[in-house]
Amino acid sequence: MSSQAKANTKATFLPARLERHSLQADVAPGITVNPAMIYLARLQSDASKRTMTSVLNSAAKWFARDDTATWRTCEWARLSRVAIIGYAEYLRKDKRLSSRSIRNSVAALRGVAREAWLADLMPENAYRKIKEDLPHVSGYQIAKGRALSKDELLAMLKTCDQRHNIRGLRDAAIVCILSMCGLRRAELVHLDYEHIDWNTSTLTFIGKGNKERIAFLPAAAQSRLWDWCDRVRGSHEGALFFGISRGEAITEDRLTADGLHYIVTKLAAEAKISPCSAHDLRRTYATLQFESDVDILTIRDNMGHASVTTTQIYDHRNLATRRKSTEVFEF
């Protein structure tokens, strides 16, 4: 099929050349109502905002047939059920995205459509078709990332100890909190000293979805965290983890998510283990609990998940078990 024919086929889902029409709100002259802007503003997590911004930018380019289009310029009020189905099919066939990625895209578009309807920019019947009549995106992919073994965790902690500096104390505490408390990357970098309760061995903080969470500190994690706070950080209020300069001086800047990623990947290389990310340490936390036969509802609560379906994704036992099962064929 020619490129022109493909373009015409795609245009059946949403016109390539959209009519220009005003999105001006009656409530305040001169203020442009953009349903996508409202949708993004409602998201609680900065990571979710970045992800969904990218999702909506990609969708805007496809709907407008214009590589310069963004979520700011797309006329979202013209979204339709057929348009979204067509885009989902494009993501599946042409982009070969995973079912989970396609479901994220559809969820974002459904959310934007809702905001368009609430702003009186989309007829209710058009929104209802999007809300209730979109087909379910089926499919399942093998979980990405990996879970570390206990030997690999010990190798990372040993590497921290061998540094004999404040960076080693900080990074050991970070590894323990990620792998033994199961915090997300964004949750760790937003921890403050006052979130620690030394008497109950807990961390109480606001996690994803603006939900208050309690994470329990095992003895090893509390010991490493105490070393960092007692010997280096101090007990003043504010960020729990700071950046450290090359001269081994603590900066006044809170550790960032990108900085945390760099710390974990560099530490893995120094420890001479397979590459891993900060989120792999969270996967390790879940997998070690599964291996210890902790029930999935408890693991769900420990990880701050809303659904056990999400928790199941973090179970990395299955591949190892399947691999071990093939040993019966070794003669």
Protein backbone atom coordinates (compact mmCIF):
# COMPACT_ATOMS: atom_id res chain seq x y z
CA MET A 1 0.00 0.00 0.00
CA SER A 2 1.37 3.45 -0.92
CA SER A 3 2.10 6.05 1.71
CA GLN A 4 -0.71 8.20 0.28
CA ALA A 5 -3.14 5.31 0.59
CA LYS A 6 -2.06 4.68 4.16
CA ALA A 7 -2.64 8.34 4.96
CA ASN A 8 -6.13 8.17 3.49
CA THR A 9 -6.90 5.03 5.49
CA LYS A 10 -5.84 6.68 8.72
CA ALA A 11 -7.85 9.78 7.87
CA THR A 12 -11.06 7.76 8.21
CA PHE A 13 -10.57 7.78 11.97
CA LEU A 14 -10.12 11.52 12.29
CA PRO A 15 -9.87 14.11 9.53
CA ALA A 16 -6.30 15.04 8.68
CA ARG A 17 -7.32 18.68 8.32
CA LEU A 18 -9.34 19.60 11.37
CA GLU A 19 -11.82 22.42 11.37
CA ARG A 20 -10.64 25.42 13.31
CA HIS A 21 -12.97 26.20 16.14
CA SER A 22 -12.72 28.11 19.37
CA LEU A 23 -12.05 26.46 22.70
CA GLN A 24 -12.77 29.67 24.58
CA ALA A 25 -14.49 29.25 27.93
CA ASP A 26 -17.42 31.40 28.92
CA VAL A 27 -16.12 31.81 32.45
CA ALA A 28 -13.12 33.99 31.63
CA PRO A 29 -12.64 35.75 28.29
CA GLY A 30 -9.22 35.15 26.77
CA ILE A 31 -8.59 31.92 28.69
CA THR A 32 -8.21 28.91 26.43
CA VAL A 33 -9.61 25.66 27.77
CA ASN A 34 -7.41 22.71 26.85
CA PRO A 35 -8.79 19.39 28.15
CA ALA A 36 -5.33 17.83 27.98
CA MET A 37 -3.90 20.54 30.21
CA ILE A 38 -6.61 19.91 32.81
CA TYR A 39 -6.06 16.14 32.60
CA LEU A 40 -2.30 16.48 33.10
CA ALA A 41 -2.77 18.92 35.96
CA ARG A 42 -4.93 16.37 37.80
CA LEU A 43 -2.19 13.73 37.80
CA GLN A 44 -0.55 13.42 41.21
CA SER A 45 2.90 12.16 40.28
CA ASP A 46 5.56 14.09 38.36
CA ALA A 47 6.58 10.83 36.71
CA SER A 48 2.98 10.24 35.58
CA LYS A 49 2.82 13.77 34.19
CA ARG A 50 5.98 13.17 32.13
CA THR A 51 4.76 9.82 30.87
CA MET A 52 1.30 11.01 29.91
CA THR A 53 2.65 14.19 28.33
CA SER A 54 4.72 12.00 26.01
CA VAL A 55 1.68 9.76 25.36
CA LEU A 56 -0.52 12.72 24.44
CA ASN A 57 2.15 14.32 22.26
CA SER A 58 2.44 11.11 20.25
CA ALA A 59 -1.34 10.85 19.92
CA ALA A 60 -1.60 14.51 18.85
CA LYS A 61 0.88 13.94 16.02
CA TRP A 62 -1.10 10.97 14.71
CA PHE A 63 -4.53 12.59 15.00
CA ALA A 64 -3.41 15.81 13.29
CA ARG A 65 -1.16 14.05 10.72
CA ASP A 66 1.43 16.64 11.68
CA ASP A 67 4.79 15.83 13.29
CA THR A 68 4.89 19.30 14.85
CA ALA A 69 1.59 18.82 16.70
CA THR A 70 1.63 18.57 20.51
CA TRP A 71 -0.94 18.10 23.24
CA ARG A 72 -1.18 21.90 23.37
CA THR A 73 -2.29 22.24 19.74
CA CYS A 74 -4.47 19.17 19.22
CA GLU A 75 -8.23 19.79 19.11
CA TRP A 76 -9.15 17.19 21.69
CA ALA A 77 -12.83 18.08 21.64
CA ARG A 78 -13.04 16.24 18.31
CA LEU A 79 -11.95 12.93 19.80
CA SER A 80 -14.25 10.04 19.00
CA ARG A 81 -14.57 6.36 19.84
CA VAL A 82 -13.56 5.41 16.28
CA ALA A 83 -10.54 7.71 16.40
CA ILE A 84 -9.23 6.12 19.59
CA ILE A 85 -9.80 2.59 18.28
CA GLY A 86 -7.90 3.51 15.13
CA TYR A 87 -5.02 4.95 17.13
CA ALA A 88 -4.84 1.89 19.36
CA GLU A 89 -4.66 -0.31 16.25
CA TYR A 90 -1.88 1.88 14.86
CA LEU A 91 0.09 1.48 18.11
CA ARG A 92 -0.37 -2.28 17.96
CA LYS A 93 0.37 -2.93 14.28
CA ASP A 94 2.71 -0.13 13.24
CA LYS A 95 4.49 0.78 16.47
CA ARG A 96 4.29 -2.74 17.96
CA LEU A 97 3.81 -1.39 21.45
CA SER A 98 2.98 -3.69 24.34
CA SER A 99 -0.61 -4.17 25.45
CA ARG A 100 0.19 -2.32 28.65
CA SER A 101 1.53 0.71 26.75
CA ILE A 102 -1.56 0.75 24.52
CA ARG A 103 -3.83 0.57 27.56
CA ASN A 104 -1.97 3.57 29.04
CA SER A 105 -2.52 5.53 25.83
CA VAL A 106 -6.22 4.66 25.70
CA ALA A 107 -6.61 5.57 29.39
CA ALA A 108 -4.98 8.96 28.76
CA LEU A 109 -7.27 9.69 25.82
CA ARG A 110 -10.31 8.61 27.81
CA GLY A 111 -9.22 10.99 30.57
CA VAL A 112 -8.82 13.88 28.15
CA ALA A 113 -12.24 13.14 26.65
CA ARG A 114 -13.75 13.30 30.13
CA GLU A 115 -12.23 16.72 30.72
CA ALA A 116 -13.52 17.89 27.33
CA TRP A 117 -17.02 16.73 28.27
CA LEU A 118 -16.85 18.37 31.71
CA ALA A 119 -15.79 21.63 30.04
CA ASP A 120 -18.82 21.43 27.70
CA LEU A 121 -16.55 21.00 24.69
CA MET A 122 -17.74 17.49 23.80
CA PRO A 123 -21.34 16.21 23.53
CA GLU A 124 -22.30 13.78 26.26
CA ASN A 125 -23.23 11.02 23.80
CA ALA A 126 -19.77 11.22 22.20
CA TYR A 127 -18.09 10.98 25.61
CA ARG A 128 -20.31 8.09 26.70
CA LYS A 129 -19.23 6.08 23.65
CA ILE A 130 -15.58 6.68 24.57
CA LYS A 131 -16.15 5.94 28.25
CA GLU A 132 -18.24 2.80 27.91
CA ASP A 133 -17.84 1.31 24.44
CA LEU A 134 -14.09 1.15 23.84
CA PRO A 135 -12.95 -2.47 23.39
CA HIS A 136 -10.61 -3.88 26.03
CA VAL A 137 -6.97 -4.05 24.99
CA SER A 138 -6.03 -7.63 25.78
CA GLY A 139 -2.61 -9.17 26.04
CA TYR A 140 0.15 -9.77 28.57
CA GLN A 141 3.90 -9.25 28.39
CA ILE A 142 6.63 -10.82 30.46
CA ALA A 143 7.61 -8.42 33.24
CA LYS A 144 10.49 -6.10 32.39
CA GLY A 145 13.49 -5.59 34.60
CA ARG A 146 14.84 -8.14 37.01
CA ALA A 147 15.06 -9.06 40.68
CA LEU A 148 18.47 -9.22 42.30
CA SER A 149 19.65 -12.20 44.30
CA LYS A 150 20.66 -11.85 47.93
CA ASP A 151 24.28 -12.35 46.88
CA GLU A 152 24.03 -9.41 44.50
CA LEU A 153 22.56 -7.19 47.21
CA LEU A 154 25.38 -8.18 49.55
CA ALA A 155 27.91 -7.39 46.81
CA MET A 156 26.47 -3.87 46.43
CA LEU A 157 26.57 -3.27 50.19
CA LYS A 158 30.12 -4.64 50.41
CA THR A 159 31.16 -2.22 47.67
CA CYS A 160 29.67 0.65 49.68
CA ASP A 161 31.62 -0.42 52.78
CA GLN A 162 34.87 -0.66 50.83
CA ARG A 163 34.65 2.99 49.82
CA HIS A 164 35.27 4.15 53.42
CA ASN A 165 33.64 7.52 52.75
CA ILE A 166 30.35 9.37 53.23
CA ARG A 167 29.20 8.41 49.74
CA GLY A 168 29.41 4.77 50.78
CA LEU A 169 27.31 5.41 53.89
CA ARG A 170 24.63 7.21 51.89
CA ASP A 171 24.49 4.67 49.07
CA ALA A 172 24.29 1.70 51.48
CA ALA A 173 21.27 3.30 53.17
CA ILE A 174 19.68 3.92 49.76
CA VAL A 175 20.17 0.32 48.61
CA CYS A 176 18.63 -0.99 51.83
CA ILE A 177 15.57 1.27 51.69
CA LEU A 178 14.89 0.43 48.04
CA SER A 179 15.38 -3.33 48.39
CA MET A 180 14.12 -3.88 51.96
CA CYS A 181 11.32 -1.31 52.14
CA GLY A 182 10.22 -1.32 48.50
CA LEU A 183 10.02 2.41 47.91
CA ARG A 184 9.63 3.85 44.45
CA ARG A 185 12.39 6.06 43.12
CA ALA A 186 10.31 9.24 43.48
CA GLU A 187 9.23 8.25 46.99
CA LEU A 188 12.81 7.82 48.16
CA VAL A 189 14.09 11.15 46.87
CA HIS A 190 11.17 12.96 48.54
CA LEU A 191 11.81 11.41 51.95
CA ASP A 192 12.51 13.85 54.78
CA TYR A 193 14.20 13.11 58.09
CA GLU A 194 10.94 13.70 59.93
CA HIS A 195 9.39 10.77 58.05
CA ILE A 196 11.49 8.40 60.18
CA ASP A 197 10.16 6.98 63.43
CA TRP A 198 13.14 5.30 65.09
CA ASN A 199 11.00 3.89 67.92
CA THR A 200 8.63 1.97 65.64
CA SER A 201 11.21 1.36 62.87
CA THR A 202 8.96 2.86 60.22
CA LEU A 203 8.92 5.42 57.45
CA THR A 204 5.63 7.32 57.06
CA PHE A 205 5.34 9.38 53.90
CA ILE A 206 3.06 10.41 51.05
CA GLY A 207 3.45 7.98 48.16
CA LYS A 208 2.09 7.65 44.65
CA GLY A 209 -1.47 8.85 44.23
CA ASN A 210 -1.08 11.24 47.18
CA LYS A 211 -1.67 8.29 49.54
CA GLU A 212 -0.02 8.08 52.94
CA ARG A 213 2.12 4.98 53.26
CA ILE A 214 3.96 3.23 56.07
CA ALA A 215 7.10 1.26 55.23
CA PHE A 216 8.66 -0.95 57.87
CA LEU A 217 12.42 -0.82 58.34
CA PRO A 218 14.08 -4.21 58.82
CA ALA A 219 17.00 -4.20 61.27
CA ALA A 220 19.60 -4.09 58.49
CA ALA A 221 17.91 -1.13 56.78
CA GLN A 222 17.50 0.77 60.04
CA SER A 223 21.15 0.17 60.93
CA ARG A 224 22.38 1.52 57.60
CA LEU A 225 20.03 4.49 57.77
CA TRP A 226 21.16 5.24 61.33
CA ASP A 227 24.81 5.21 60.24
CA TRP A 228 24.06 7.73 57.50
CA CYS A 229 22.08 10.06 59.75
CA ASP A 230 24.23 9.75 62.89
CA ARG A 231 27.66 9.98 61.25
CA VAL A 232 26.96 12.32 58.35
CA ARG A 233 23.53 13.84 57.81
CA GLY A 234 22.45 14.80 61.29
CA SER A 235 18.93 14.95 62.70
CA HIS A 236 17.75 18.31 61.36
CA GLU A 237 14.53 18.54 59.35
CA GLY A 238 14.52 18.40 55.58
CA ALA A 239 15.60 16.08 52.80
CA LEU A 240 16.86 12.70 53.97
CA PHE A 241 19.32 12.25 51.11
CA PHE A 242 21.50 14.91 49.53
CA GLY A 243 23.85 15.02 46.61
CA ILE A 244 27.57 14.63 47.35
CA SER A 245 30.23 16.56 45.45
CA ARG A 246 33.37 14.99 44.02
CA GLY A 247 35.25 16.42 46.95
CA GLU A 248 33.10 14.35 49.32
CA ALA A 249 31.17 17.38 50.53
CA ILE A 250 27.42 17.19 51.10
CA THR A 251 25.51 19.65 48.94
CA GLU A 252 22.35 21.40 50.04
CA ASP A 253 20.47 19.95 47.09
CA ARG A 254 17.96 17.15 47.58
CA LEU A 255 18.87 14.01 45.68
CA THR A 256 17.00 13.80 42.37
CA ALA A 257 15.42 10.80 40.64
CA ASP A 258 18.04 10.98 37.88
CA GLY A 259 20.77 11.19 40.50
CA LEU A 260 19.38 8.11 42.22
CA HIS A 261 19.37 6.20 38.93
CA TYR A 262 23.02 7.11 38.40
CA ILE A 263 23.95 6.00 41.93
CA VAL A 264 22.39 2.54 41.55
CA THR A 265 23.70 1.84 38.04
CA LYS A 266 27.22 2.99 38.97
CA LEU A 267 27.17 0.94 42.16
CA ALA A 268 26.11 -2.18 40.26
CA ALA A 269 29.02 -1.72 37.87
CA GLU A 270 31.47 -1.29 40.77
CA ALA A 271 30.08 -4.39 42.47
CA LYS A 272 30.58 -6.32 39.21
CA ILE A 273 27.01 -7.59 39.05
CA SER A 274 24.62 -7.50 36.11
CA PRO A 275 23.25 -4.02 35.36
CA CYS A 276 20.26 -3.00 37.43
CA SER A 277 18.11 0.05 38.07
CA ALA A 278 16.58 1.58 41.17
CA HIS A 279 13.26 0.02 40.23
CA ASP A 280 14.91 -3.40 40.02
CA LEU A 281 15.59 -3.06 43.74
CA ARG A 282 11.86 -2.52 44.26
CA ARG A 283 11.23 -5.64 42.16
CA THR A 284 13.69 -7.46 44.40
CA TYR A 285 11.72 -6.39 47.47
CA ALA A 286 8.54 -7.93 46.06
CA THR A 287 10.17 -11.09 44.72
CA LEU A 288 11.94 -11.89 48.00
CA GLN A 289 8.58 -11.67 49.77
CA PHE A 290 6.96 -13.95 47.19
CA GLU A 291 9.80 -16.42 47.71
CA SER A 292 9.11 -16.33 51.46
CA ASP A 293 5.43 -17.16 50.81
CA VAL A 294 4.12 -13.82 52.04
CA ASP A 295 0.50 -13.55 50.86
CA ILE A 296 -0.09 -11.28 47.88
CA LEU A 297 -2.49 -8.95 49.71
CA THR A 298 0.20 -8.13 52.25
CA ILE A 299 2.75 -7.56 49.48
CA ARG A 300 0.25 -5.32 47.72
CA ASP A 301 -0.14 -3.19 50.83
CA ASN A 302 3.61 -3.15 51.48
CA MET A 303 4.25 -1.83 47.99
CA GLY A 304 1.44 0.71 47.99
CA HIS A 305 -0.43 -0.85 45.05
CA ALA A 306 -4.14 -0.31 44.46
CA SER A 307 -4.57 -3.73 42.86
CA VAL A 308 -3.00 -7.18 43.21
CA THR A 309 -2.88 -7.25 39.39
CA THR A 310 -0.10 -4.68 39.56
CA THR A 311 1.62 -6.58 42.37
CA GLN A 312 1.71 -9.76 40.29
CA ILE A 313 3.86 -8.00 37.70
CA TYR A 314 6.62 -7.74 40.32
CA ASP A 315 6.78 -11.49 40.89
CA HIS A 316 9.98 -12.59 39.17
CA ARG A 317 10.01 -16.10 40.58
CA ASN A 318 8.33 -17.75 37.63
CA LEU A 319 11.17 -17.58 35.11
CA ALA A 320 13.69 -18.92 37.62
CA THR A 321 11.32 -21.74 38.57
CA ARG A 322 10.71 -22.63 34.94
CA ARG A 323 14.42 -22.60 34.20
CA LYS A 324 15.07 -24.92 37.14
CA SER A 325 12.32 -27.26 35.93
CA THR A 326 14.31 -27.97 32.76
CA GLU A 327 17.08 -29.55 34.82
CA VAL A 328 15.16 -32.84 34.65
CA PHE A 329 16.33 -33.11 31.04
CA GLU A 330 20.02 -33.00 31.95
CA PHE A 331 21.39 -36.56 31.67
